[in-house]
């Protein structure tokens, strides 16, 4: 095949929609779970080692569980096996990659800045995903941003409260 005759790979709107759909579930779950873990651990005075271990365990164990659940659900809906497998792999990889960014934060950022850094990073990731979905649907992102970030805010507050209870119970 002549390289000059090769056409560049162009994303069709339908393909872009499918890719965004595939990363949206895993990306959202990984962001909100990771923020909750970081805030809860920092508030509970948990060690950095325990936090990194927890992020990795949840990033793998919960990720495998959710990915398998999605795969089985898609098969039960009659989705072609190769498409279901592809969606499962993309979901797993997305969650693992997002969780890895929070692991890097937990390793690199000083403890006093860890919770605010994780919240900021999570808001940026979730906001970017929300804006992409709104653009795809040709809607304003404002309302969706408020809704999605409100859910993340509830997780932050609950994780903080759980961390406080654990800290007071064991210290």
N, C-alpha and C. Protein backbone atom coordinates (compact mmCIF):
# COMPACT_ATOMS: atom_id res chain seq x y z
N UNK A 1 0.85 -1.18 0.00
CA UNK A 1 0.00 0.00 0.00
C UNK A 1 0.90 1.23 0.00
N UNK A 2 0.59 2.15 -0.87
CA UNK A 2 1.34 3.40 -0.99
C UNK A 2 0.98 4.32 0.18
N UNK A 3 1.99 4.75 1.01
CA UNK A 3 1.68 5.60 2.17
C UNK A 3 0.99 6.90 1.80
N UNK A 4 1.26 7.42 0.63
CA UNK A 4 0.61 8.69 0.26
C UNK A 4 -0.87 8.50 -0.01
N UNK A 5 -1.29 7.25 -0.28
CA UNK A 5 -2.71 7.02 -0.56
C UNK A 5 -3.50 6.73 0.72
N UNK A 6 -2.79 6.53 1.82
CA UNK A 6 -3.49 6.25 3.07
C UNK A 6 -4.22 7.51 3.53
N UNK A 7 -5.47 7.32 3.86
CA UNK A 7 -6.27 8.45 4.34
C UNK A 7 -6.10 8.60 5.84
N UNK A 8 -6.07 9.85 6.32
CA UNK A 8 -5.97 10.04 7.77
C UNK A 8 -7.25 9.54 8.44
N UNK A 9 -7.08 9.05 9.65
CA UNK A 9 -8.21 8.53 10.41
C UNK A 9 -9.05 9.71 10.92
N UNK A 10 -10.28 9.77 10.51
CA UNK A 10 -11.17 10.86 10.88
C UNK A 10 -12.21 10.33 11.85
N UNK A 11 -12.43 11.06 12.91
CA UNK A 11 -13.46 10.65 13.87
C UNK A 11 -14.81 11.10 13.37
N UNK A 12 -15.67 10.16 13.23
CA UNK A 12 -17.04 10.51 12.86
C UNK A 12 -17.77 10.90 14.13
N UNK A 13 -18.80 11.71 14.00
CA UNK A 13 -19.56 12.08 15.20
C UNK A 13 -20.06 10.85 15.97
N UNK A 14 -20.50 9.81 15.25
CA UNK A 14 -21.00 8.61 15.91
C UNK A 14 -19.87 7.90 16.66
N UNK A 15 -18.71 7.82 16.06
CA UNK A 15 -17.58 7.16 16.71
C UNK A 15 -17.13 7.95 17.92
N UNK A 16 -17.08 9.27 17.79
CA UNK A 16 -16.70 10.12 18.93
C UNK A 16 -17.69 9.95 20.07
N UNK A 17 -18.99 9.87 19.76
CA UNK A 17 -20.03 9.66 20.77
C UNK A 17 -19.81 8.34 21.49
N UNK A 18 -19.51 7.29 20.74
CA UNK A 18 -19.30 5.97 21.33
C UNK A 18 -18.08 5.98 22.25
N UNK A 19 -16.99 6.64 21.81
CA UNK A 19 -15.78 6.71 22.63
C UNK A 19 -16.05 7.49 23.91
N UNK A 20 -16.76 8.58 23.80
CA UNK A 20 -17.08 9.39 24.97
C UNK A 20 -17.98 8.61 25.93
N UNK A 21 -18.92 7.87 25.38
CA UNK A 21 -19.81 7.04 26.20
C UNK A 21 -19.00 5.98 26.94
N UNK A 22 -18.02 5.41 26.27
CA UNK A 22 -17.23 4.34 26.88
C UNK A 22 -16.35 4.84 28.02
N UNK A 23 -15.83 6.06 27.93
CA UNK A 23 -14.97 6.57 29.01
C UNK A 23 -15.76 7.29 30.08
N UNK A 24 -17.00 7.67 29.80
CA UNK A 24 -17.76 8.48 30.75
C UNK A 24 -18.07 7.73 32.04
N UNK A 25 -18.48 6.49 31.96
CA UNK A 25 -18.81 5.75 33.18
C UNK A 25 -17.57 5.50 34.02
N UNK A 26 -16.55 4.93 33.42
CA UNK A 26 -15.33 4.62 34.16
C UNK A 26 -14.63 5.85 34.67
N UNK A 27 -14.57 6.87 33.84
CA UNK A 27 -13.90 8.11 34.25
C UNK A 27 -14.60 8.77 35.43
N UNK A 28 -15.91 8.85 35.36
CA UNK A 28 -16.68 9.47 36.44
C UNK A 28 -16.54 8.68 37.74
N UNK A 29 -16.68 7.37 37.65
CA UNK A 29 -16.56 6.53 38.85
C UNK A 29 -15.18 6.66 39.48
N UNK A 30 -14.15 6.64 38.67
CA UNK A 30 -12.78 6.73 39.20
C UNK A 30 -12.51 8.09 39.84
N UNK A 31 -12.99 9.15 39.23
CA UNK A 31 -12.78 10.50 39.78
C UNK A 31 -13.45 10.64 41.13
N UNK A 32 -14.72 10.33 41.21
CA UNK A 32 -15.46 10.55 42.45
C UNK A 32 -14.99 9.61 43.56
N UNK A 33 -14.71 8.36 43.23
CA UNK A 33 -14.20 7.41 44.23
C UNK A 33 -12.84 7.87 44.75
N UNK A 34 -11.97 8.29 43.86
CA UNK A 34 -10.62 8.71 44.27
C UNK A 34 -10.66 9.97 45.14
N UNK A 35 -11.49 10.93 44.76
CA UNK A 35 -11.62 12.14 45.59
C UNK A 35 -12.09 11.75 46.99
N UNK A 36 -13.10 10.90 47.05
CA UNK A 36 -13.63 10.47 48.35
C UNK A 36 -12.58 9.78 49.20
N UNK A 37 -11.80 8.89 48.60
CA UNK A 37 -10.75 8.21 49.35
C UNK A 37 -9.69 9.18 49.87
N UNK A 38 -9.25 10.08 49.02
CA UNK A 38 -8.21 11.03 49.43
C UNK A 38 -8.72 11.91 50.58
N UNK A 39 -9.88 12.50 50.42
CA UNK A 39 -10.42 13.38 51.46
C UNK A 39 -10.65 12.61 52.75
N UNK A 40 -11.23 11.43 52.67
CA UNK A 40 -11.48 10.62 53.86
C UNK A 40 -10.20 10.24 54.57
N UNK A 41 -9.19 9.80 53.84
CA UNK A 41 -7.93 9.39 54.45
C UNK A 41 -7.20 10.57 55.08
N UNK A 42 -7.15 11.68 54.37
CA UNK A 42 -6.45 12.85 54.91
C UNK A 42 -7.14 13.33 56.19
N UNK A 43 -8.46 13.36 56.20
CA UNK A 43 -9.21 13.81 57.37
C UNK A 43 -9.05 12.83 58.53
N UNK A 44 -8.98 11.55 58.24
CA UNK A 44 -8.85 10.53 59.28
C UNK A 44 -7.41 10.39 59.76
N UNK A 45 -6.51 11.19 59.21
CA UNK A 45 -5.08 11.12 59.53
C UNK A 45 -4.48 9.79 59.12
N UNK A 46 -5.01 9.20 58.07
CA UNK A 46 -4.46 7.95 57.56
C UNK A 46 -3.10 8.19 56.93
N UNK A 47 -2.30 7.16 56.89
CA UNK A 47 -0.96 7.29 56.32
C UNK A 47 -1.01 7.38 54.80
N UNK A 48 0.03 7.96 54.26
CA UNK A 48 0.16 8.06 52.80
C UNK A 48 0.23 6.65 52.19
N UNK A 49 0.91 5.75 52.87
CA UNK A 49 1.04 4.37 52.40
C UNK A 49 -0.34 3.70 52.31
N UNK A 50 -1.14 3.88 53.36
CA UNK A 50 -2.49 3.30 53.36
C UNK A 50 -3.35 3.91 52.26
N UNK A 51 -3.21 5.21 52.04
CA UNK A 51 -3.99 5.87 50.99
C UNK A 51 -3.61 5.34 49.63
N UNK A 52 -2.32 5.28 49.33
CA UNK A 52 -1.87 4.78 48.02
C UNK A 52 -2.32 3.34 47.84
N UNK A 53 -2.17 2.53 48.88
CA UNK A 53 -2.62 1.13 48.81
C UNK A 53 -4.11 1.03 48.56
N UNK A 54 -4.88 1.85 49.25
CA UNK A 54 -6.34 1.84 49.06
C UNK A 54 -6.74 2.27 47.66
N UNK A 55 -6.10 3.33 47.16
CA UNK A 55 -6.40 3.77 45.79
C UNK A 55 -6.10 2.66 44.79
N UNK A 56 -4.97 1.99 44.97
CA UNK A 56 -4.60 0.92 44.04
C UNK A 56 -5.54 -0.28 44.15
N UNK A 57 -5.90 -0.64 45.38
CA UNK A 57 -6.82 -1.77 45.57
C UNK A 57 -8.18 -1.47 44.96
N UNK A 58 -8.71 -0.28 45.27
CA UNK A 58 -10.01 0.09 44.69
C UNK A 58 -9.89 0.24 43.18
N UNK A 59 -8.76 0.82 42.73
CA UNK A 59 -8.53 1.00 41.30
C UNK A 59 -8.47 -0.32 40.54
N UNK A 60 -8.11 -1.38 41.22
CA UNK A 60 -8.08 -2.69 40.56
C UNK A 60 -9.31 -3.53 40.90
N UNK A 61 -9.56 -3.78 42.19
CA UNK A 61 -10.64 -4.68 42.58
C UNK A 61 -12.02 -4.15 42.19
N UNK A 62 -12.31 -2.92 42.55
CA UNK A 62 -13.61 -2.35 42.20
C UNK A 62 -13.73 -2.16 40.69
N UNK A 63 -12.61 -1.84 40.08
CA UNK A 63 -12.57 -1.66 38.63
C UNK A 63 -12.91 -2.96 37.91
N UNK A 64 -12.29 -4.06 38.33
CA UNK A 64 -12.57 -5.36 37.71
C UNK A 64 -14.04 -5.72 37.90
N UNK A 65 -14.54 -5.50 39.12
CA UNK A 65 -15.94 -5.81 39.42
C UNK A 65 -16.89 -5.02 38.53
N UNK A 66 -16.69 -3.70 38.46
CA UNK A 66 -17.56 -2.87 37.63
C UNK A 66 -17.42 -3.20 36.15
N UNK A 67 -16.20 -3.43 35.70
CA UNK A 67 -15.99 -3.75 34.29
C UNK A 67 -16.68 -5.06 33.92
N UNK A 68 -16.55 -6.07 34.78
CA UNK A 68 -17.23 -7.34 34.52
C UNK A 68 -18.75 -7.16 34.55
N UNK A 69 -19.23 -6.36 35.50
CA UNK A 69 -20.68 -6.11 35.58
C UNK A 69 -21.18 -5.43 34.30
N UNK A 70 -20.44 -4.46 33.82
CA UNK A 70 -20.82 -3.79 32.58
C UNK A 70 -20.81 -4.78 31.42
N UNK A 71 -19.78 -5.61 31.37
CA UNK A 71 -19.66 -6.59 30.29
C UNK A 71 -20.86 -7.55 30.29
N UNK A 72 -21.18 -8.08 31.45
CA UNK A 72 -22.31 -9.02 31.54
C UNK A 72 -23.62 -8.32 31.19
N UNK A 73 -23.79 -7.09 31.66
CA UNK A 73 -25.00 -6.33 31.32
C UNK A 73 -25.11 -6.14 29.81
N UNK A 74 -24.00 -5.75 29.18
CA UNK A 74 -24.03 -5.53 27.74
C UNK A 74 -24.34 -6.81 26.98
N UNK A 75 -23.78 -7.91 27.43
CA UNK A 75 -24.11 -9.19 26.80
C UNK A 75 -25.58 -9.53 26.99
N UNK A 76 -26.13 -9.23 28.18
CA UNK A 76 -27.54 -9.52 28.42
C UNK A 76 -28.45 -8.65 27.56
N UNK A 77 -27.96 -7.49 27.14
CA UNK A 77 -28.71 -6.60 26.26
C UNK A 77 -28.54 -6.97 24.79
N UNK A 78 -27.74 -8.02 24.52
CA UNK A 78 -27.57 -8.49 23.15
C UNK A 78 -26.48 -7.78 22.36
N UNK A 79 -25.63 -7.02 23.03
CA UNK A 79 -24.53 -6.35 22.33
C UNK A 79 -23.56 -7.39 21.81
N UNK A 80 -23.11 -7.20 20.60
CA UNK A 80 -22.14 -8.09 19.97
C UNK A 80 -20.94 -8.29 20.91
N UNK A 81 -20.45 -9.52 20.99
CA UNK A 81 -19.39 -9.88 21.95
C UNK A 81 -18.13 -9.03 21.81
N UNK A 82 -17.70 -8.76 20.59
CA UNK A 82 -16.47 -7.98 20.43
C UNK A 82 -16.67 -6.54 20.87
N UNK A 83 -17.85 -5.99 20.61
CA UNK A 83 -18.13 -4.61 21.06
C UNK A 83 -18.24 -4.55 22.58
N UNK A 84 -18.85 -5.57 23.18
CA UNK A 84 -18.96 -5.62 24.64
C UNK A 84 -17.57 -5.74 25.27
N UNK A 85 -16.74 -6.56 24.69
CA UNK A 85 -15.37 -6.72 25.20
C UNK A 85 -14.58 -5.43 25.05
N UNK A 86 -14.72 -4.77 23.91
CA UNK A 86 -14.03 -3.50 23.70
C UNK A 86 -14.47 -2.46 24.73
N UNK A 87 -15.76 -2.35 24.95
CA UNK A 87 -16.29 -1.39 25.92
C UNK A 87 -15.78 -1.72 27.33
N UNK A 88 -15.70 -3.00 27.65
CA UNK A 88 -15.20 -3.43 28.95
C UNK A 88 -13.74 -3.03 29.13
N UNK A 89 -12.93 -3.27 28.12
CA UNK A 89 -11.51 -2.95 28.19
C UNK A 89 -11.30 -1.44 28.29
N UNK A 90 -12.06 -0.67 27.51
CA UNK A 90 -11.94 0.79 27.57
C UNK A 90 -12.34 1.31 28.95
N UNK A 91 -13.43 0.78 29.50
CA UNK A 91 -13.86 1.18 30.84
C UNK A 91 -12.77 0.88 31.86
N UNK A 92 -12.22 -0.34 31.82
CA UNK A 92 -11.17 -0.73 32.76
C UNK A 92 -9.95 0.18 32.64
N UNK A 93 -9.50 0.40 31.42
CA UNK A 93 -8.31 1.22 31.19
C UNK A 93 -8.53 2.66 31.63
N UNK A 94 -9.71 3.20 31.37
CA UNK A 94 -10.02 4.57 31.77
C UNK A 94 -9.97 4.71 33.28
N UNK A 95 -10.63 3.79 33.97
CA UNK A 95 -10.64 3.85 35.44
C UNK A 95 -9.24 3.70 36.01
N UNK A 96 -8.47 2.79 35.45
CA UNK A 96 -7.11 2.56 35.94
C UNK A 96 -6.24 3.80 35.72
N UNK A 97 -6.35 4.39 34.55
CA UNK A 97 -5.56 5.59 34.24
C UNK A 97 -5.94 6.76 35.15
N UNK A 98 -7.22 6.99 35.33
CA UNK A 98 -7.67 8.10 36.19
C UNK A 98 -7.22 7.85 37.63
N UNK A 99 -7.39 6.64 38.12
CA UNK A 99 -6.96 6.32 39.48
C UNK A 99 -5.46 6.51 39.63
N UNK A 100 -4.70 6.15 38.61
CA UNK A 100 -3.24 6.31 38.65
C UNK A 100 -2.85 7.78 38.83
N UNK A 101 -3.63 8.70 38.25
CA UNK A 101 -3.30 10.12 38.42
C UNK A 101 -3.48 10.55 39.87
N UNK A 102 -4.47 9.97 40.56
CA UNK A 102 -4.67 10.29 41.97
C UNK A 102 -3.59 9.63 42.83
N UNK A 103 -3.12 8.46 42.43
CA UNK A 103 -1.99 7.82 43.13
C UNK A 103 -0.77 8.72 43.03
N UNK A 104 -0.51 9.24 41.83
CA UNK A 104 0.63 10.15 41.65
C UNK A 104 0.49 11.39 42.53
N UNK A 105 -0.72 11.93 42.62
CA UNK A 105 -0.95 13.07 43.52
C UNK A 105 -0.64 12.68 44.97
N UNK A 106 -1.13 11.52 45.38
CA UNK A 106 -0.93 11.07 46.76
C UNK A 106 0.55 10.88 47.08
N UNK A 107 1.33 10.53 46.09
CA UNK A 107 2.76 10.33 46.29
C UNK A 107 3.51 11.67 46.26
N UNK A 108 3.13 12.55 45.36
CA UNK A 108 3.94 13.75 45.07
C UNK A 108 3.56 15.00 45.86
N UNK A 109 2.31 15.13 46.26
CA UNK A 109 1.84 16.38 46.86
C UNK A 109 1.99 16.31 48.39
N UNK A 110 2.47 17.38 49.01
CA UNK A 110 2.56 17.41 50.48
C UNK A 110 1.18 17.17 51.10
N UNK A 111 1.18 16.51 52.24
CA UNK A 111 -0.07 16.13 52.90
C UNK A 111 -1.02 17.31 53.10
N UNK A 112 -0.50 18.45 53.46
CA UNK A 112 -1.36 19.61 53.72
C UNK A 112 -2.08 20.10 52.47
N UNK A 113 -1.56 19.78 51.32
CA UNK A 113 -2.17 20.20 50.05
C UNK A 113 -2.88 19.05 49.33
N UNK A 114 -2.82 17.86 49.88
CA UNK A 114 -3.32 16.68 49.18
C UNK A 114 -4.83 16.72 48.91
N UNK A 115 -5.63 16.96 49.93
CA UNK A 115 -7.09 16.99 49.72
C UNK A 115 -7.50 18.10 48.75
N UNK A 116 -7.03 19.35 48.95
CA UNK A 116 -7.41 20.38 47.98
C UNK A 116 -6.92 20.06 46.56
N UNK A 117 -5.74 19.48 46.44
CA UNK A 117 -5.21 19.13 45.11
C UNK A 117 -6.07 18.05 44.45
N UNK A 118 -6.47 17.05 45.23
CA UNK A 118 -7.31 15.97 44.69
C UNK A 118 -8.67 16.51 44.27
N UNK A 119 -9.22 17.40 45.09
CA UNK A 119 -10.53 17.99 44.75
C UNK A 119 -10.41 18.81 43.47
N UNK A 120 -9.39 19.63 43.39
CA UNK A 120 -9.19 20.45 42.19
C UNK A 120 -8.99 19.58 40.95
N UNK A 121 -8.14 18.58 41.05
CA UNK A 121 -7.90 17.67 39.93
C UNK A 121 -9.19 16.96 39.52
N UNK A 122 -9.94 16.49 40.50
CA UNK A 122 -11.20 15.82 40.21
C UNK A 122 -12.21 16.73 39.54
N UNK A 123 -12.29 17.97 40.01
CA UNK A 123 -13.21 18.95 39.41
C UNK A 123 -12.81 19.22 37.96
N UNK A 124 -11.51 19.34 37.72
CA UNK A 124 -11.05 19.56 36.33
C UNK A 124 -11.40 18.38 35.43
N UNK A 125 -11.16 17.16 35.91
CA UNK A 125 -11.48 15.98 35.10
C UNK A 125 -12.98 15.85 34.87
N UNK A 126 -13.75 15.95 35.95
CA UNK A 126 -15.20 15.82 35.83
C UNK A 126 -15.80 16.96 35.01
N UNK A 127 -15.27 18.15 35.18
CA UNK A 127 -15.75 19.30 34.39
C UNK A 127 -15.45 19.14 32.91
N UNK A 128 -14.27 18.63 32.60
CA UNK A 128 -13.91 18.40 31.19
C UNK A 128 -14.82 17.36 30.56
N UNK A 129 -15.07 16.28 31.28
CA UNK A 129 -15.95 15.23 30.77
C UNK A 129 -17.37 15.77 30.59
N UNK A 130 -17.84 16.52 31.56
CA UNK A 130 -19.19 17.09 31.49
C UNK A 130 -19.32 18.05 30.31
N UNK A 131 -18.33 18.91 30.13
CA UNK A 131 -18.37 19.85 28.99
C UNK A 131 -18.34 19.10 27.66
N UNK A 132 -17.54 18.04 27.58
CA UNK A 132 -17.49 17.26 26.34
C UNK A 132 -18.84 16.62 26.03
N UNK A 133 -19.46 16.08 27.06
CA UNK A 133 -20.79 15.47 26.86
C UNK A 133 -21.82 16.52 26.46
N UNK A 134 -21.78 17.68 27.09
CA UNK A 134 -22.73 18.75 26.75
C UNK A 134 -22.51 19.22 25.31
N UNK A 135 -21.25 19.37 24.93
CA UNK A 135 -20.95 19.79 23.55
C UNK A 135 -21.46 18.76 22.55
N UNK A 136 -21.25 17.50 22.87
CA UNK A 136 -21.71 16.42 21.99
C UNK A 136 -23.23 16.46 21.84
N UNK A 137 -23.92 16.75 22.93
CA UNK A 137 -25.38 16.80 22.90
C UNK A 137 -25.89 18.16 22.46
N UNK A 138 -24.97 19.09 22.17
CA UNK A 138 -25.30 20.45 21.74
C UNK A 138 -26.19 21.15 22.76
N UNK A 139 -25.77 21.04 24.04
CA UNK A 139 -26.49 21.69 25.13
C UNK A 139 -25.52 22.54 25.93
N UNK A 140 -26.07 23.41 26.74
CA UNK A 140 -25.27 24.23 27.63
C UNK A 140 -24.72 23.35 28.75
N UNK A 141 -23.46 23.54 29.08
CA UNK A 141 -22.82 22.71 30.09
C UNK A 141 -23.12 23.19 31.51
N UNK A 142 -23.60 24.41 31.67
CA UNK A 142 -23.79 25.00 32.99
C UNK A 142 -24.61 24.15 33.95
N UNK A 143 -25.79 23.78 33.54
CA UNK A 143 -26.69 23.00 34.40
C UNK A 143 -26.08 21.65 34.75
N UNK A 144 -25.51 20.99 33.74
CA UNK A 144 -24.90 19.68 33.97
C UNK A 144 -23.68 19.79 34.89
N UNK A 145 -22.88 20.85 34.72
CA UNK A 145 -21.73 21.05 35.59
C UNK A 145 -22.17 21.20 37.03
N UNK A 146 -23.21 22.00 37.27
CA UNK A 146 -23.71 22.18 38.63
C UNK A 146 -24.17 20.85 39.20
N UNK A 147 -24.91 20.09 38.45
CA UNK A 147 -25.42 18.79 38.92
C UNK A 147 -24.28 17.83 39.23
N UNK A 148 -23.38 17.64 38.28
CA UNK A 148 -22.28 16.68 38.46
C UNK A 148 -21.33 17.08 39.58
N UNK A 149 -21.01 18.36 39.64
CA UNK A 149 -20.10 18.83 40.69
C UNK A 149 -20.79 18.82 42.06
N UNK A 150 -22.11 18.96 42.09
CA UNK A 150 -22.85 18.85 43.35
C UNK A 150 -22.77 17.43 43.90
N UNK A 151 -22.90 16.45 43.03
CA UNK A 151 -22.77 15.05 43.47
C UNK A 151 -21.37 14.81 44.01
N UNK A 152 -20.36 15.30 43.30
CA UNK A 152 -18.98 15.16 43.78
C UNK A 152 -18.82 15.87 45.12
N UNK A 153 -19.47 17.03 45.28
CA UNK A 153 -19.41 17.77 46.54
C UNK A 153 -20.01 16.98 47.69
N UNK A 154 -21.11 16.30 47.44
CA UNK A 154 -21.72 15.46 48.48
C UNK A 154 -20.74 14.36 48.90
N UNK A 155 -20.07 13.74 47.93
CA UNK A 155 -19.08 12.70 48.24
C UNK A 155 -17.95 13.28 49.08
N UNK A 156 -17.48 14.47 48.73
CA UNK A 156 -16.41 15.11 49.49
C UNK A 156 -16.85 15.35 50.94
N UNK A 157 -18.03 15.91 51.12
CA UNK A 157 -18.52 16.21 52.47
C UNK A 157 -18.71 14.93 53.28
N UNK A 158 -19.31 13.91 52.67
CA UNK A 158 -19.51 12.64 53.38
C UNK A 158 -18.17 11.98 53.72
N UNK A 159 -17.23 12.01 52.80
CA UNK A 159 -15.91 11.42 53.05
C UNK A 159 -15.18 12.17 54.16
N UNK A 160 -15.29 13.48 54.15
CA UNK A 160 -14.70 14.31 55.19
C UNK A 160 -15.32 13.97 56.55
N UNK A 161 -16.65 13.84 56.60
CA UNK A 161 -17.34 13.52 57.85
C UNK A 161 -16.94 12.13 58.35
N UNK A 162 -16.86 11.17 57.46
CA UNK A 162 -16.43 9.82 57.86
C UNK A 162 -15.00 9.87 58.39
N UNK A 163 -14.14 10.63 57.72
CA UNK A 163 -12.76 10.78 58.20
C UNK A 163 -12.70 11.38 59.59
N UNK A 164 -13.54 12.38 59.86
CA UNK A 164 -13.58 13.00 61.19
C UNK A 164 -14.02 11.99 62.25
N UNK A 165 -15.05 11.23 61.95
CA UNK A 165 -15.55 10.22 62.90
C UNK A 165 -14.45 9.18 63.17
N UNK A 166 -13.81 8.71 62.14
CA UNK A 166 -12.75 7.71 62.32
C UNK A 166 -11.60 8.30 63.12
N UNK A 167 -11.22 9.53 62.80
CA UNK A 167 -10.12 10.18 63.50
C UNK A 167 -10.43 10.33 64.99
N UNK A 168 -11.65 10.76 65.31
CA UNK A 168 -12.00 10.96 66.72
C UNK A 168 -12.18 9.61 67.45
N UNK A 169 -12.60 8.60 66.75
CA UNK A 169 -12.81 7.30 67.39
C UNK A 169 -11.51 6.57 67.70
N UNK A 170 -10.48 6.82 66.89
CA UNK A 170 -9.24 6.07 67.06
C UNK A 170 -8.07 6.92 67.55
N UNK A 171 -8.29 8.18 67.84
CA UNK A 171 -7.19 9.02 68.34
C UNK A 171 -7.57 9.70 69.62
